[in-house]
Amino acid sequence: MALTFYNSANLTSTMSSTGVYMDTVQAIQTTSTPTFYGLTVSTGTGQITLGTNTVINANSTPHLQVCTIPNIGTGCTFIMSELAQTMNGTKTFSTGIYLPTYGGTPSQFGYYEEYDHVTGWTGPIAPGSNTTCKITRVGRVCTMMIPAITSVGISNASILKMLSPLPNRFCPATECYMEYGLIVDNGVNGNGYFLVREVGSDQKFYFGTNLTGGFSSNTGTTGLLAQTSYTYSV
């Protein structure tokens, strides 16, 4: 009888009068920790059992799929579909997420941005140094914080208007009008209104005043008296 061992580098054999004994180069008993260059498990379910009750199962697919574990540089825990867990590090979602709702149908949440819009202003005041308007967009809701804009009035104008247009993503589909904001004209305080123009228009913020005759051409303090926050939907 002849015996042929393929890939015999991984096997050792001993022949005796009672039979042939074969051993692997490294131990594979239940108490050992062998090292393999690669491992292929042909069955499609119940592939690897860890301990008594933990089964790692990768379903068979019609095409080769390679799942790569990146070098994360430290120990970690897999994120599972069950169990409360904490995720560390910055994660980027390319297609948005769904958050729970109560009594409604969840919508995809796919937008958050903080943006500084730097612009000058024109109208009843001379264009001066730029101001920074801070915009936060969460979903479809934009909140813009506009600092006080005051200067010496130089001309009669119905509106105070920003010079630099807003990016499309911060403009509503139709113009949005609201009546609040503390306006000062020639040193006289009054309530004002604001208007944010729609996509495809000049895409700017406008401030108006309910003071008689609009902004005057006198030389007193004129503009938006105090920093104000405005919220609208896009």
Protein backbone atom coordinates (compact mmCIF):
# COMPACT_ATOMS: atom_id res chain seq x y z
CA MET A 1 0.00 0.00 0.00
CA ALA A 2 1.30 3.41 -0.96
CA LEU A 3 0.33 6.67 0.74
CA THR A 4 0.74 10.05 -0.92
CA PHE A 5 0.48 13.28 1.13
CA TYR A 6 -0.27 16.48 -0.74
CA ASN A 7 1.00 19.70 0.79
CA SER A 8 3.03 17.48 3.09
CA ALA A 9 4.82 20.45 4.63
CA ASN A 10 1.79 20.78 6.88
CA LEU A 11 1.78 17.14 7.94
CA THR A 12 4.05 14.75 9.83
CA SER A 13 3.49 10.99 9.73
CA THR A 14 4.63 7.97 11.72
CA MET A 15 4.27 4.40 10.47
CA SER A 16 4.08 1.40 12.79
CA SER A 17 2.82 -2.15 12.72
CA THR A 18 -0.57 -0.97 13.87
CA GLY A 19 -1.10 1.82 11.31
CA VAL A 20 -0.12 5.23 10.06
CA TYR A 21 -0.35 8.20 12.40
CA MET A 22 -0.61 11.69 10.91
CA ASP A 23 -0.21 14.99 12.77
CA THR A 24 -0.47 18.58 11.63
CA VAL A 25 2.54 20.81 12.15
CA GLN A 26 0.58 22.84 14.68
CA ALA A 27 -1.84 21.51 17.25
CA ILE A 28 -5.57 21.67 16.45
CA GLN A 29 -6.97 20.24 19.65
CA THR A 30 -9.84 22.04 21.37
CA THR A 31 -7.34 23.57 23.81
CA SER A 32 -4.89 24.84 21.19
CA THR A 33 -4.70 28.11 19.22
CA PRO A 34 -3.56 27.24 15.69
CA THR A 35 -2.68 29.89 13.09
CA PHE A 36 -3.90 29.59 9.50
CA TYR A 37 -2.88 31.57 6.45
CA GLY A 38 -6.46 31.47 5.18
CA LEU A 39 -9.76 29.82 6.04
CA THR A 40 -12.58 28.83 3.70
CA VAL A 41 -15.84 27.46 5.08
CA SER A 42 -18.02 26.02 2.34
CA THR A 43 -21.37 25.86 4.12
CA GLY A 44 -23.65 28.89 3.86
CA THR A 45 -25.09 28.89 7.39
CA GLY A 46 -23.83 28.24 10.91
CA GLN A 47 -20.29 28.72 9.73
CA ILE A 48 -18.26 29.52 12.83
CA THR A 49 -19.33 28.92 16.43
CA LEU A 50 -17.58 30.81 19.21
CA GLY A 51 -17.97 29.33 22.66
CA THR A 52 -21.37 27.72 23.19
CA ASN A 53 -24.01 30.00 21.68
CA THR A 54 -22.33 32.62 19.42
CA VAL A 55 -22.54 31.75 15.72
CA ILE A 56 -20.95 33.89 12.98
CA ASN A 57 -22.96 33.37 9.80
CA ALA A 58 -22.23 34.89 6.36
CA ASN A 59 -24.89 34.04 3.79
CA SER A 60 -23.77 32.84 0.38
CA THR A 61 -23.98 35.41 -2.44
CA PRO A 62 -23.99 34.91 -6.23
CA HIS A 63 -20.93 37.15 -6.64
CA LEU A 64 -17.67 37.55 -4.78
CA GLN A 65 -17.98 40.16 -2.03
CA VAL A 66 -14.94 41.27 -0.07
CA CYS A 67 -15.54 42.82 3.38
CA THR A 68 -12.45 44.64 4.63
CA ILE A 69 -11.74 45.51 8.24
CA PRO A 70 -9.61 48.70 8.13
CA ASN A 71 -6.63 49.36 10.36
CA ILE A 72 -8.30 51.40 13.10
CA GLY A 73 -5.19 51.69 15.24
CA THR A 74 -6.86 50.59 18.47
CA GLY A 75 -9.19 48.00 19.91
CA CYS A 76 -12.88 48.35 19.09
CA THR A 77 -16.32 46.76 19.31
CA PHE A 78 -18.53 45.87 16.36
CA ILE A 79 -21.72 47.93 16.06
CA MET A 80 -24.68 45.53 16.10
CA SER A 81 -28.32 45.93 15.14
CA GLU A 82 -29.30 45.14 18.75
CA LEU A 83 -27.93 46.38 22.09
CA ALA A 84 -27.28 49.97 23.20
CA GLN A 85 -23.79 51.04 22.11
CA THR A 86 -21.64 54.17 21.82
CA MET A 87 -19.90 55.06 18.55
CA ASN A 88 -16.60 56.93 18.81
CA GLY A 89 -14.88 58.90 16.06
CA THR A 90 -16.46 60.91 13.25
CA LYS A 91 -18.81 58.88 11.04
CA THR A 92 -19.95 60.03 7.59
CA PHE A 93 -23.30 58.83 6.21
CA SER A 94 -23.53 59.23 2.44
CA THR A 95 -27.29 58.63 2.08
CA GLY A 96 -28.78 60.01 5.30
CA ILE A 97 -30.39 58.31 8.30
CA TYR A 98 -33.87 57.72 9.68
CA LEU A 99 -34.65 58.86 13.21
CA PRO A 100 -37.63 57.64 15.25
CA THR A 101 -40.88 59.56 15.27
CA TYR A 102 -44.03 59.17 17.34
CA GLY A 103 -47.34 59.01 15.52
CA GLY A 104 -45.88 59.82 12.10
CA THR A 105 -43.77 58.37 9.32
CA PRO A 106 -40.02 58.93 9.65
CA SER A 107 -38.40 61.03 6.92
CA GLN A 108 -34.80 60.69 5.88
CA PHE A 109 -32.51 63.07 7.76
CA GLY A 110 -29.73 63.91 5.38
CA TYR A 111 -28.50 67.47 5.95
CA TYR A 112 -26.61 69.41 8.60
CA GLU A 113 -24.29 72.35 7.93
CA GLU A 114 -22.84 75.37 9.71
CA TYR A 115 -21.84 78.16 7.32
CA ASP A 116 -20.42 81.69 7.57
CA HIS A 117 -21.85 84.04 4.94
CA VAL A 118 -19.66 87.15 4.62
CA THR A 119 -21.34 90.12 2.98
CA GLY A 120 -21.61 93.88 2.91
CA TRP A 121 -24.91 95.82 2.97
CA THR A 122 -26.35 98.62 0.87
CA GLY A 123 -29.41 100.85 0.72
CA PRO A 124 -29.75 103.71 3.21
CA ILE A 125 -26.15 103.30 4.34
CA ALA A 126 -22.88 103.34 2.43
CA PRO A 127 -21.40 99.88 1.74
CA GLY A 128 -18.83 99.41 4.47
CA SER A 129 -16.91 96.57 6.05
CA ASN A 130 -18.31 93.08 5.68
CA THR A 131 -20.35 91.34 8.34
CA THR A 132 -20.44 87.60 9.01
CA CYS A 133 -23.89 86.05 9.06
CA LYS A 134 -23.83 82.61 10.70
CA ILE A 135 -26.20 80.06 9.17
CA THR A 136 -27.09 76.64 10.56
CA ARG A 137 -29.13 74.33 8.38
CA VAL A 138 -30.72 71.24 9.96
CA GLY A 139 -32.73 69.25 7.45
CA ARG A 140 -34.81 71.90 5.65
CA VAL A 141 -34.72 74.46 8.47
CA CYS A 142 -32.24 77.34 8.27
CA THR A 143 -31.40 79.65 11.15
CA MET A 144 -29.39 82.76 10.32
CA MET A 145 -27.78 84.93 12.97
CA ILE A 146 -27.22 88.45 11.59
CA PRO A 147 -25.12 90.91 13.62
CA ALA A 148 -26.12 94.51 14.18
CA ILE A 149 -25.69 96.57 11.00
CA THR A 150 -25.60 100.29 11.73
CA SER A 151 -23.97 103.26 10.06
CA VAL A 152 -24.69 106.86 9.20
CA GLY A 153 -27.65 107.16 6.84
CA ILE A 154 -26.73 108.59 3.45
CA SER A 155 -29.81 108.14 1.26
CA ASN A 156 -33.54 107.55 1.21
CA ALA A 157 -34.16 103.86 0.60
CA SER A 158 -37.04 101.48 1.23
CA ILE A 159 -34.82 98.50 2.08
CA LEU A 160 -31.46 97.53 3.57
CA LYS A 161 -30.07 94.76 1.36
CA MET A 162 -27.12 92.38 1.57
CA LEU A 163 -24.61 92.62 -1.29
CA SER A 164 -23.51 88.99 -1.62
CA PRO A 165 -26.19 86.46 -2.63
CA LEU A 166 -26.82 83.41 -0.49
CA PRO A 167 -25.85 79.98 -1.85
CA ASN A 168 -28.78 78.05 -3.34
CA ARG A 169 -28.89 75.57 -0.46
CA PHE A 170 -29.84 78.35 1.97
CA CYS A 171 -32.62 79.87 -0.17
CA PRO A 172 -36.30 78.89 -0.04
CA ALA A 173 -38.24 77.76 -3.11
CA THR A 174 -40.45 80.86 -2.74
CA GLU A 175 -39.53 84.08 -0.97
CA CYS A 176 -40.08 84.13 2.79
CA TYR A 177 -41.46 87.21 4.57
CA MET A 178 -41.59 87.84 8.33
CA GLU A 179 -42.42 90.87 10.46
CA TYR A 180 -39.92 91.30 13.22
CA GLY A 181 -36.54 92.87 13.75
CA LEU A 182 -35.49 96.07 15.49
CA ILE A 183 -34.72 98.73 12.89
CA VAL A 184 -33.20 102.15 13.52
CA ASP A 185 -33.58 105.02 11.08
CA ASN A 186 -31.85 108.34 11.67
CA GLY A 187 -31.62 107.48 15.38
CA VAL A 188 -35.31 106.51 15.67
CA ASN A 189 -36.08 102.89 16.61
CA GLY A 190 -38.93 100.96 15.06
CA ASN A 191 -40.05 97.46 14.16
CA GLY A 192 -39.00 96.12 10.81
CA TYR A 193 -39.57 93.17 8.53
CA PHE A 194 -37.25 90.88 6.64
CA LEU A 195 -37.47 89.07 3.34
CA VAL A 196 -35.23 86.27 2.08
CA ARG A 197 -35.42 85.85 -1.68
CA GLU A 198 -35.99 82.56 -3.42
CA VAL A 199 -33.66 80.38 -5.50
CA GLY A 200 -33.24 81.86 -8.98
CA SER A 201 -33.75 85.47 -7.84
CA ASP A 202 -30.98 87.65 -6.44
CA GLN A 203 -30.99 85.31 -3.38
CA LYS A 204 -30.42 88.04 -0.81
CA PHE A 205 -31.72 89.19 2.57
CA TYR A 206 -33.76 92.38 2.66
CA PHE A 207 -34.66 94.48 5.69
CA GLY A 208 -37.44 97.03 5.60
CA THR A 209 -38.94 99.41 8.14
CA ASN A 210 -42.50 100.28 9.08
CA LEU A 211 -41.42 103.83 9.86
CA THR A 212 -43.18 106.37 7.68
CA GLY A 213 -41.39 106.93 4.40
CA GLY A 214 -38.95 104.07 4.83
CA PHE A 215 -35.33 104.81 5.66
CA SER A 216 -34.63 108.53 5.49
CA SER A 217 -31.70 110.36 3.93
CA ASN A 218 -30.65 112.05 7.15
CA THR A 219 -27.28 111.48 8.77
CA GLY A 220 -28.29 109.71 12.01
CA THR A 221 -27.66 106.09 12.93
CA THR A 222 -29.46 103.76 10.51
CA GLY A 223 -29.72 99.99 9.98
CA LEU A 224 -30.39 96.81 11.98
CA LEU A 225 -30.11 97.89 15.60
CA ALA A 226 -29.26 94.58 17.30
CA GLN A 227 -28.06 91.10 16.45
CA THR A 228 -31.09 89.07 15.43
CA SER A 229 -31.83 85.42 14.62
CA TYR A 230 -34.13 84.46 11.75
CA THR A 231 -35.49 80.96 11.04
CA TYR A 232 -37.07 79.83 7.78
CA SER A 233 -37.50 76.68 5.69
CA VAL A 234 -35.96 75.86 2.33
